[in-house]
C-alpha atoms as a PDB file:
ATOM      1  CA  UNK A   1      17.893 -83.937  19.478  1.00  0.00           C
ATOM      2  CA  UNK A   2      19.561 -80.362  19.171  1.00  0.00           C
ATOM      3  CA  UNK A   3      17.036 -79.185  17.021  1.00  0.00           C
ATOM      4  CA  UNK A   4      14.268 -80.361  19.477  1.00  0.00           C
ATOM      5  CA  UNK A   5      15.981 -78.943  22.351  1.00  0.00           C
ATOM      6  CA  UNK A   6      16.267 -75.506  20.649  1.00  0.00           C
ATOM      7  CA  UNK A   7      12.678 -75.823  19.549  1.00  0.00           C
ATOM      8  CA  UNK A   8      11.680 -76.364  23.369  1.00  0.00           C
ATOM      9  CA  UNK A   9      13.808 -73.377  24.456  1.00  0.00           C
ATOM     10  CA  UNK A  10      11.902 -70.965  21.909  1.00  0.00           C
ATOM     11  CA  UNK A  11       8.500 -72.438  22.985  1.00  0.00           C
ATOM     12  CA  UNK A  12       9.305 -71.795  26.501  1.00  0.00           C
ATOM     13  CA  UNK A  13      10.369 -68.337  25.738  1.00  0.00           C
ATOM     14  CA  UNK A  14       7.100 -67.828  23.889  1.00  0.00           C
ATOM     15  CA  UNK A  15       4.910 -68.867  26.380  1.00  0.00           C
ATOM     16  CA  UNK A  16       6.962 -66.734  29.021  1.00  0.00           C
ATOM     17  CA  UNK A  17       6.891 -63.448  26.971  1.00  0.00           C
ATOM     18  CA  UNK A  18       4.105 -64.037  24.574  1.00  0.00           C
ATOM     19  CA  UNK A  19       0.528 -62.732  25.145  1.00  0.00           C
ATOM     20  CA  UNK A  20      -0.783 -65.961  26.643  1.00  0.00           C
ATOM     21  CA  UNK A  21       1.291 -65.064  29.727  1.00  0.00           C
ATOM     22  CA  UNK A  22      -1.469 -63.455  32.140  1.00  0.00           C
ATOM     23  CA  UNK A  23      -0.462 -59.827  33.405  1.00  0.00           C
ATOM     24  CA  UNK A  24       1.120 -59.295  36.599  1.00  0.00           C
ATOM     25  CA  UNK A  25      -1.238 -58.094  39.263  1.00  0.00           C
ATOM     26  CA  UNK A  26      -0.965 -54.169  39.716  1.00  0.00           C
ATOM     27  CA  UNK A  27      -1.901 -52.423  42.883  1.00  0.00           C
ATOM     28  CA  UNK A  28      -3.717 -49.134  42.404  1.00  0.00           C
ATOM     29  CA  UNK A  29      -4.236 -46.737  45.200  1.00  0.00           C
ATOM     30  CA  UNK A  30      -7.689 -44.983  45.682  1.00  0.00           C
ATOM     31  CA  UNK A  31      -8.057 -41.352  46.575  1.00  0.00           C
ATOM     32  CA  UNK A  32      -9.615 -40.940  49.972  1.00  0.00           C
ATOM     33  CA  UNK A  33     -12.388 -38.602  50.960  1.00  0.00           C
ATOM     34  CA  UNK A  34     -10.133 -35.742  52.095  1.00  0.00           C
ATOM     35  CA  UNK A  35      -8.447 -34.896  48.686  1.00  0.00           C
ATOM     36  CA  UNK A  36     -11.806 -35.510  47.007  1.00  0.00           C
ATOM     37  CA  UNK A  37     -13.436 -32.898  49.395  1.00  0.00           C
ATOM     38  CA  UNK A  38     -10.614 -30.322  48.428  1.00  0.00           C
ATOM     39  CA  UNK A  39     -11.324 -30.776  44.815  1.00  0.00           C
ATOM     40  CA  UNK A  40     -15.060 -30.285  45.087  1.00  0.00           C
ATOM     41  CA  UNK A  41     -14.621 -27.133  47.171  1.00  0.00           C
ATOM     42  CA  UNK A  42     -12.478 -25.742  44.338  1.00  0.00           C
ATOM     43  CA  UNK A  43     -14.890 -26.780  41.642  1.00  0.00           C
ATOM     44  CA  UNK A  44     -17.866 -25.279  43.753  1.00  0.00           C
ATOM     45  CA  UNK A  45     -16.232 -21.710  43.958  1.00  0.00           C
ATOM     46  CA  UNK A  46     -15.162 -21.715  40.228  1.00  0.00           C
ATOM     47  CA  UNK A  47     -18.539 -22.955  39.207  1.00  0.00           C
ATOM     48  CA  UNK A  48     -20.358 -20.477  41.256  1.00  0.00           C
ATOM     49  CA  UNK A  49     -18.252 -17.470  39.911  1.00  0.00           C
ATOM     50  CA  UNK A  50     -18.406 -18.606  36.286  1.00  0.00           C
ATOM     51  CA  UNK A  51     -22.126 -19.510  36.579  1.00  0.00           C
ATOM     52  CA  UNK A  52     -22.953 -16.009  37.812  1.00  0.00           C
ATOM     53  CA  UNK A  53     -21.401 -14.529  34.468  1.00  0.00           C
ATOM     54  CA  UNK A  54     -23.226 -16.920  32.435  1.00  0.00           C
ATOM     55  CA  UNK A  55     -26.512 -16.454  34.203  1.00  0.00           C
ATOM     56  CA  UNK A  56     -26.296 -12.769  33.888  1.00  0.00           C
ATOM     57  CA  UNK A  57     -26.034 -13.114  30.022  1.00  0.00           C
ATOM     58  CA  UNK A  58     -28.842 -15.605  30.029  1.00  0.00           C
ATOM     59  CA  UNK A  59     -30.889 -13.250  32.322  1.00  0.00           C
ATOM     60  CA  UNK A  60     -30.441 -10.749  29.887  1.00  0.00           C
ATOM     61  CA  UNK A  61     -32.027 -12.954  27.241  1.00  0.00           C
ATOM     62  CA  UNK A  62     -34.738 -13.619  29.580  1.00  0.00           C
ATOM     63  CA  UNK A  63     -35.459 -10.092  30.455  1.00  0.00           C
ATOM     64  CA  UNK A  64     -35.713  -9.378  26.775  1.00  0.00           C
ATOM     65  CA  UNK A  65     -38.264 -12.244  26.376  1.00  0.00           C
ATOM     66  CA  UNK A  66     -40.114 -10.848  29.499  1.00  0.00           C
ATOM     67  CA  UNK A  67     -40.605  -7.415  27.382  1.00  0.00           C
ATOM     68  CA  UNK A  68     -43.312  -9.347  25.679  1.00  0.00           C
ATOM     69  CA  UNK A  69     -44.728 -10.952  28.929  1.00  0.00           C
ATOM     70  CA  UNK A  70     -46.468  -9.712  31.944  1.00  0.00           C
ATOM     71  CA  UNK A  71     -44.122 -11.979  34.099  1.00  0.00           C
ATOM     72  CA  UNK A  72     -40.848  -9.945  33.598  1.00  0.00           C
ATOM     73  CA  UNK A  73     -39.070 -11.279  36.647  1.00  0.00           C
ATOM     74  CA  UNK A  74     -40.108 -14.779  36.334  1.00  0.00           C
ATOM     75  CA  UNK A  75     -38.427 -15.000  32.969  1.00  0.00           C
ATOM     76  CA  UNK A  76     -35.180 -13.671  34.561  1.00  0.00           C
ATOM     77  CA  UNK A  77     -35.247 -16.070  37.290  1.00  0.00           C
ATOM     78  CA  UNK A  78     -35.958 -18.955  35.080  1.00  0.00           C
ATOM     79  CA  UNK A  79     -32.919 -18.029  32.563  1.00  0.00           C
ATOM     80  CA  UNK A  80     -30.415 -17.550  35.169  1.00  0.00           C
ATOM     81  CA  UNK A  81     -31.168 -20.618  37.446  1.00  0.00           C
ATOM     82  CA  UNK A  82     -31.352 -22.701  34.347  1.00  0.00           C
ATOM     83  CA  UNK A  83     -28.004 -21.289  32.930  1.00  0.00           C
ATOM     84  CA  UNK A  84     -26.278 -22.221  36.053  1.00  0.00           C
ATOM     85  CA  UNK A  85     -27.334 -25.677  36.189  1.00  0.00           C
ATOM     86  CA  UNK A  86     -26.649 -26.282  32.272  1.00  0.00           C
ATOM     87  CA  UNK A  87     -23.258 -24.744  32.993  1.00  0.00           C
ATOM     88  CA  UNK A  88     -22.419 -27.157  35.902  1.00  0.00           C
ATOM     89  CA  UNK A  89     -23.613 -30.076  33.727  1.00  0.00           C
ATOM     90  CA  UNK A  90     -21.502 -29.385  30.808  1.00  0.00           C
ATOM     91  CA  UNK A  91     -18.419 -28.446  32.935  1.00  0.00           C
ATOM     92  CA  UNK A  92     -18.481 -31.743  34.618  1.00  0.00           C
ATOM     93  CA  UNK A  93     -19.268 -33.926  31.650  1.00  0.00           C
ATOM     94  CA  UNK A  94     -16.679 -32.220  29.422  1.00  0.00           C
ATOM     95  CA  UNK A  95     -13.975 -32.480  31.990  1.00  0.00           C
ATOM     96  CA  UNK A  96     -14.746 -36.224  33.163  1.00  0.00           C
ATOM     97  CA  UNK A  97     -14.897 -37.137  29.197  1.00  0.00           C
ATOM     98  CA  UNK A  98     -11.828 -35.396  28.080  1.00  0.00           C
ATOM     99  CA  UNK A  99      -9.276 -35.948  30.756  1.00  0.00           C
ATOM    100  CA  UNK A 100     -11.150 -37.314  33.674  1.00  0.00           C
ATOM    101  CA  UNK A 101     -10.201 -34.441  35.692  1.00  0.00           C
ATOM    102  CA  UNK A 102     -11.978 -31.134  36.773  1.00  0.00           C
ATOM    103  CA  UNK A 103     -10.011 -28.120  37.818  1.00  0.00           C
ATOM    104  CA  UNK A 104     -10.026 -29.238  41.449  1.00  0.00           C
ATOM    105  CA  UNK A 105      -9.004 -32.686  40.445  1.00  0.00           C
ATOM    106  CA  UNK A 106      -5.861 -31.362  38.599  1.00  0.00           C
ATOM    107  CA  UNK A 107      -4.794 -29.253  41.206  1.00  0.00           C
ATOM    108  CA  UNK A 108      -5.024 -31.996  43.898  1.00  0.00           C
ATOM    109  CA  UNK A 109      -3.329 -34.597  41.382  1.00  0.00           C
ATOM    110  CA  UNK A 110      -6.271 -36.991  40.940  1.00  0.00           C
ATOM    111  CA  UNK A 111      -8.427 -38.312  38.235  1.00  0.00           C
ATOM    112  CA  UNK A 112     -11.666 -40.209  37.556  1.00  0.00           C
ATOM    113  CA  UNK A 113     -11.461 -43.468  35.615  1.00  0.00           C
ATOM    114  CA  UNK A 114     -13.616 -46.355  34.866  1.00  0.00           C
ATOM    115  CA  UNK A 115     -12.941 -49.536  37.252  1.00  0.00           C
ATOM    116  CA  UNK A 116     -11.446 -51.280  34.124  1.00  0.00           C
ATOM    117  CA  UNK A 117      -9.076 -48.266  33.643  1.00  0.00           C
ATOM    118  CA  UNK A 118     -10.866 -46.880  30.576  1.00  0.00           C
ATOM    119  CA  UNK A 119     -11.784 -43.296  30.206  1.00  0.00           C
ATOM    120  CA  UNK A 120     -15.448 -42.198  30.762  1.00  0.00           C
ATOM    121  CA  UNK A 121     -17.739 -41.830  27.661  1.00  0.00           C
ATOM    122  CA  UNK A 122     -20.498 -39.198  27.617  1.00  0.00           C
ATOM    123  CA  UNK A 123     -23.051 -41.461  28.599  1.00  0.00           C
ATOM    124  CA  UNK A 124     -20.843 -42.619  31.627  1.00  0.00           C
ATOM    125  CA  UNK A 125     -20.311 -38.812  32.588  1.00  0.00           C
ATOM    126  CA  UNK A 126     -24.051 -38.161  32.331  1.00  0.00           C
ATOM    127  CA  UNK A 127     -24.947 -41.213  34.553  1.00  0.00           C
ATOM    128  CA  UNK A 128     -22.177 -39.935  37.011  1.00  0.00           C
ATOM    129  CA  UNK A 129     -23.778 -36.201  37.203  1.00  0.00           C
ATOM    130  CA  UNK A 130     -27.041 -37.765  37.733  1.00  0.00           C
ATOM    131  CA  UNK A 131     -25.658 -39.642  40.573  1.00  0.00           C
ATOM    132  CA  UNK A 132     -24.062 -36.562  41.932  1.00  0.00           C
ATOM    133  CA  UNK A 133     -27.505 -34.933  42.087  1.00  0.00           C
ATOM    134  CA  UNK A 134     -28.963 -38.289  43.856  1.00  0.00           C
ATOM    135  CA  UNK A 135     -26.009 -38.337  46.514  1.00  0.00           C
ATOM    136  CA  UNK A 136     -26.588 -34.795  47.357  1.00  0.00           C
ATOM    137  CA  UNK A 137     -30.348 -34.730  47.555  1.00  0.00           C
ATOM    138  CA  UNK A 138     -30.377 -37.534  50.017  1.00  0.00           C
ATOM    139  CA  UNK A 139     -28.782 -35.791  52.677  1.00  0.00           C
ATOM    140  CA  UNK A 140     -25.314 -36.276  51.068  1.00  0.00           C
ATOM    141  CA  UNK A 141     -25.304 -39.962  52.301  1.00  0.00           C
ATOM    142  CA  UNK A 142     -24.009 -40.942  48.642  1.00  0.00           C
ATOM    143  CA  UNK A 143     -20.962 -38.689  49.052  1.00  0.00           C
ATOM    144  CA  UNK A 144     -20.100 -39.770  52.873  1.00  0.00           C
ATOM    145  CA  UNK A 145     -20.446 -43.400  51.647  1.00  0.00           C
ATOM    146  CA  UNK A 146     -17.102 -42.600  50.055  1.00  0.00           C
ATOM    147  CA  UNK A 147     -15.495 -42.893  53.629  1.00  0.00           C
ATOM    148  CA  UNK A 148     -16.615 -46.336  54.195  1.00  0.00           C
ATOM    149  CA  UNK A 149     -16.514 -48.079  50.991  1.00  0.00           C
ATOM    150  CA  UNK A 150     -13.531 -50.388  50.091  1.00  0.00           C
ATOM    151  CA  UNK A 151     -13.198 -48.962  46.957  1.00  0.00           C
ATOM    152  CA  UNK A 152     -13.676 -45.397  48.026  1.00  0.00           C
ATOM    153  CA  UNK A 153     -16.788 -45.183  45.652  1.00  0.00           C
ATOM    154  CA  UNK A 154     -19.816 -42.760  46.282  1.00  0.00           C
ATOM    155  CA  UNK A 155     -22.922 -43.536  44.865  1.00  0.00           C
ATOM    156  CA  UNK A 156     -22.411 -41.693  41.879  1.00  0.00           C
ATOM    157  CA  UNK A 157     -19.238 -43.864  41.499  1.00  0.00           C
ATOM    158  CA  UNK A 158     -21.040 -46.819  41.737  1.00  0.00           C
ATOM    159  CA  UNK A 159     -23.814 -45.848  39.188  1.00  0.00           C
ATOM    160  CA  UNK A 160     -21.102 -44.823  36.591  1.00  0.00           C
ATOM    161  CA  UNK A 161     -18.601 -47.692  37.673  1.00  0.00           C
ATOM    162  CA  UNK A 162     -15.716 -45.363  38.489  1.00  0.00           C
ATOM    163  CA  UNK A 163     -13.061 -45.021  40.981  1.00  0.00           C
ATOM    164  CA  UNK A 164     -10.652 -41.858  41.848  1.00  0.00           C
ATOM    165  CA  UNK A 165      -7.223 -42.726  41.605  1.00  0.00           C
ATOM    166  CA  UNK A 166      -3.908 -40.332  41.802  1.00  0.00           C
ATOM    167  CA  UNK A 167      -3.221 -38.700  38.367  1.00  0.00           C
ATOM    168  CA  UNK A 168      -0.047 -40.713  37.769  1.00  0.00           C
ATOM    169  CA  UNK A 169      -1.741 -44.014  38.122  1.00  0.00           C
ATOM    170  CA  UNK A 170      -2.455 -46.012  34.960  1.00  0.00           C
ATOM    171  CA  UNK A 171      -3.834 -49.485  34.116  1.00  0.00           C
ATOM    172  CA  UNK A 172      -5.476 -50.876  31.142  1.00  0.00           C
ATOM    173  CA  UNK A 173      -8.916 -52.737  30.573  1.00  0.00           C
ATOM    174  CA  UNK A 174      -8.196 -56.402  31.321  1.00  0.00           C
ATOM    175  CA  UNK A 175      -5.417 -56.022  33.445  1.00  0.00           C
ATOM    176  CA  UNK A 176      -5.420 -57.734  36.893  1.00  0.00           C
ATOM    177  CA  UNK A 177      -5.681 -54.792  39.455  1.00  0.00           C
ATOM    178  CA  UNK A 178      -5.964 -54.910  43.300  1.00  0.00           C
ATOM    179  CA  UNK A 179      -7.471 -51.503  44.509  1.00  0.00           C
ATOM    180  CA  UNK A 180      -5.840 -50.323  47.824  1.00  0.00           C
ATOM    181  CA  UNK A 181      -7.267 -47.267  49.758  1.00  0.00           C
ATOM    182  CA  UNK A 182      -4.782 -44.572  49.658  1.00  0.00           C
ATOM    183  CA  UNK A 183      -5.730 -43.196  53.259  1.00  0.00           C
ATOM    184  CA  UNK A 184      -6.826 -44.786  56.516  1.00  0.00           C
ATOM    185  CA  UNK A 185     -10.290 -44.038  56.452  1.00  0.00           C
ATOM    186  CA  UNK A 186     -12.300 -41.233  57.184  1.00  0.00           C
ATOM    187  CA  UNK A 187     -12.734 -39.238  60.317  1.00  0.00           C
ATOM    188  CA  UNK A 188     -15.740 -37.235  61.913  1.00  0.00           C
ATOM    189  CA  UNK A 189     -14.289 -33.969  60.681  1.00  0.00           C
ATOM    190  CA  UNK A 190     -13.983 -34.819  56.992  1.00  0.00           C
ATOM    191  CA  UNK A 191     -17.721 -36.257  57.125  1.00  0.00           C
ATOM    192  CA  UNK A 192     -18.681 -32.803  58.815  1.00  0.00           C
ATOM    193  CA  UNK A 193     -17.264 -30.920  56.103  1.00  0.00           C
ATOM    194  CA  UNK A 194     -18.819 -33.143  53.346  1.00  0.00           C
ATOM    195  CA  UNK A 195     -22.215 -32.545  54.744  1.00  0.00           C
ATOM    196  CA  UNK A 196     -21.620 -28.660  55.078  1.00  0.00           C
ATOM    197  CA  UNK A 197     -20.328 -28.488  51.448  1.00  0.00           C
ATOM    198  CA  UNK A 198     -23.183 -30.697  49.975  1.00  0.00           C
ATOM    199  CA  UNK A 199     -26.009 -29.134  51.698  1.00  0.00           C
ATOM    200  CA  UNK A 200     -25.020 -25.466  52.169  1.00  0.00           C
ATOM    201  CA  UNK A 201     -23.221 -24.934  48.579  1.00  0.00           C
ATOM    202  CA  UNK A 202     -25.956 -26.054  46.453  1.00  0.00           C
ATOM    203  CA  UNK A 203     -28.543 -24.026  48.175  1.00  0.00           C
ATOM    204  CA  UNK A 204     -26.287 -20.942  48.418  1.00  0.00           C
ATOM    205  CA  UNK A 205     -25.527 -21.299  44.579  1.00  0.00           C
ATOM    206  CA  UNK A 206     -29.225 -21.622  43.711  1.00  0.00           C
ATOM    207  CA  UNK A 207     -29.987 -18.689  45.823  1.00  0.00           C
ATOM    208  CA  UNK A 208     -27.452 -16.601  44.183  1.00  0.00           C
ATOM    209  CA  UNK A 209     -28.584 -17.383  40.698  1.00  0.00           C
ATOM    210  CA  UNK A 210     -32.194 -16.968  41.609  1.00  0.00           C
ATOM    211  CA  UNK A 211     -31.462 -13.445  42.779  1.00  0.00           C
ATOM    212  CA  UNK A 212     -29.770 -12.357  39.711  1.00  0.00           C
ATOM    213  CA  UNK A 213     -33.240 -12.681  38.019  1.00  0.00           C
ATOM    214  CA  UNK A 214     -34.567  -9.538  40.048  1.00  0.00           C
ATOM    215  CA  UNK A 215     -31.181  -7.764  39.877  1.00  0.00           C
ATOM    216  CA  UNK A 216     -31.089  -7.927  35.786  1.00  0.00           C
ATOM    217  CA  UNK A 217     -34.589  -7.044  35.932  1.00  0.00           C
ATOM    218  CA  UNK A 218     -33.724  -3.877  38.020  1.00  0.00           C
ATOM    219  CA  UNK A 219     -30.708  -2.973  35.543  1.00  0.00           C
ATOM    220  CA  UNK A 220     -32.829  -3.405  32.473  1.00  0.00           C
ATOM    221  CA  UNK A 221     -35.343  -1.002  33.918  1.00  0.00           C
ATOM    222  CA  UNK A 222     -32.593   1.670  34.906  1.00  0.00           C
ATOM    223  CA  UNK A 223     -31.264   1.340  31.280  1.00  0.00           C
ATOM    224  CA  UNK A 224     -34.563   1.872  29.819  1.00  0.00           C
ATOM    225  CA  UNK A 225     -35.257   4.791  32.066  1.00  0.00           C
ATOM    226  CA  UNK A 226     -38.104   3.182  33.741  1.00  0.00           C
END
């Protein structure tokens, strides 16, 4: 009888502490539209500056190729605009895949993860970047959606199955999780700022990159004495 009682106690401990016991539900906070706007502002400024540097170098290549073509300025504009887009693509994909954080996200203490808590793969990151372009192209509605969605997901988040959470939050695939918005919702001010950023910033960046083509063209002609 004593042995059976002991065995019963051991079995009870195993059932309580073993793997069969379901994980306790964890509350995971979601980052609201305000901090996400701040992170994108930081990234936009940084990408704009670095893209200009990359575009200048790419523009020089374009001008070199343009020496063998009648459309010199066209080659310069093509390479500068292309360099800015490629740099932006590589920046976001590498950041999301490696740590889930861009520079803006790191400074504001937030990160991007999949809805099961796992890191983004290269494929997930590419899908999310494509979602960025779609969200911006359609009057930024895909970004404004964050303010009203229960999981604070924009269209790009839904496409890539991602959420934005505080950097210190951790949860694992298979773990029972309840997502809770970390803000009280959005305000017209936040929505207005999103619209300004997503409509004005890409246009300004593109215009800046395109103007580098003629600028580099003039620089090359000056160096050649022409």
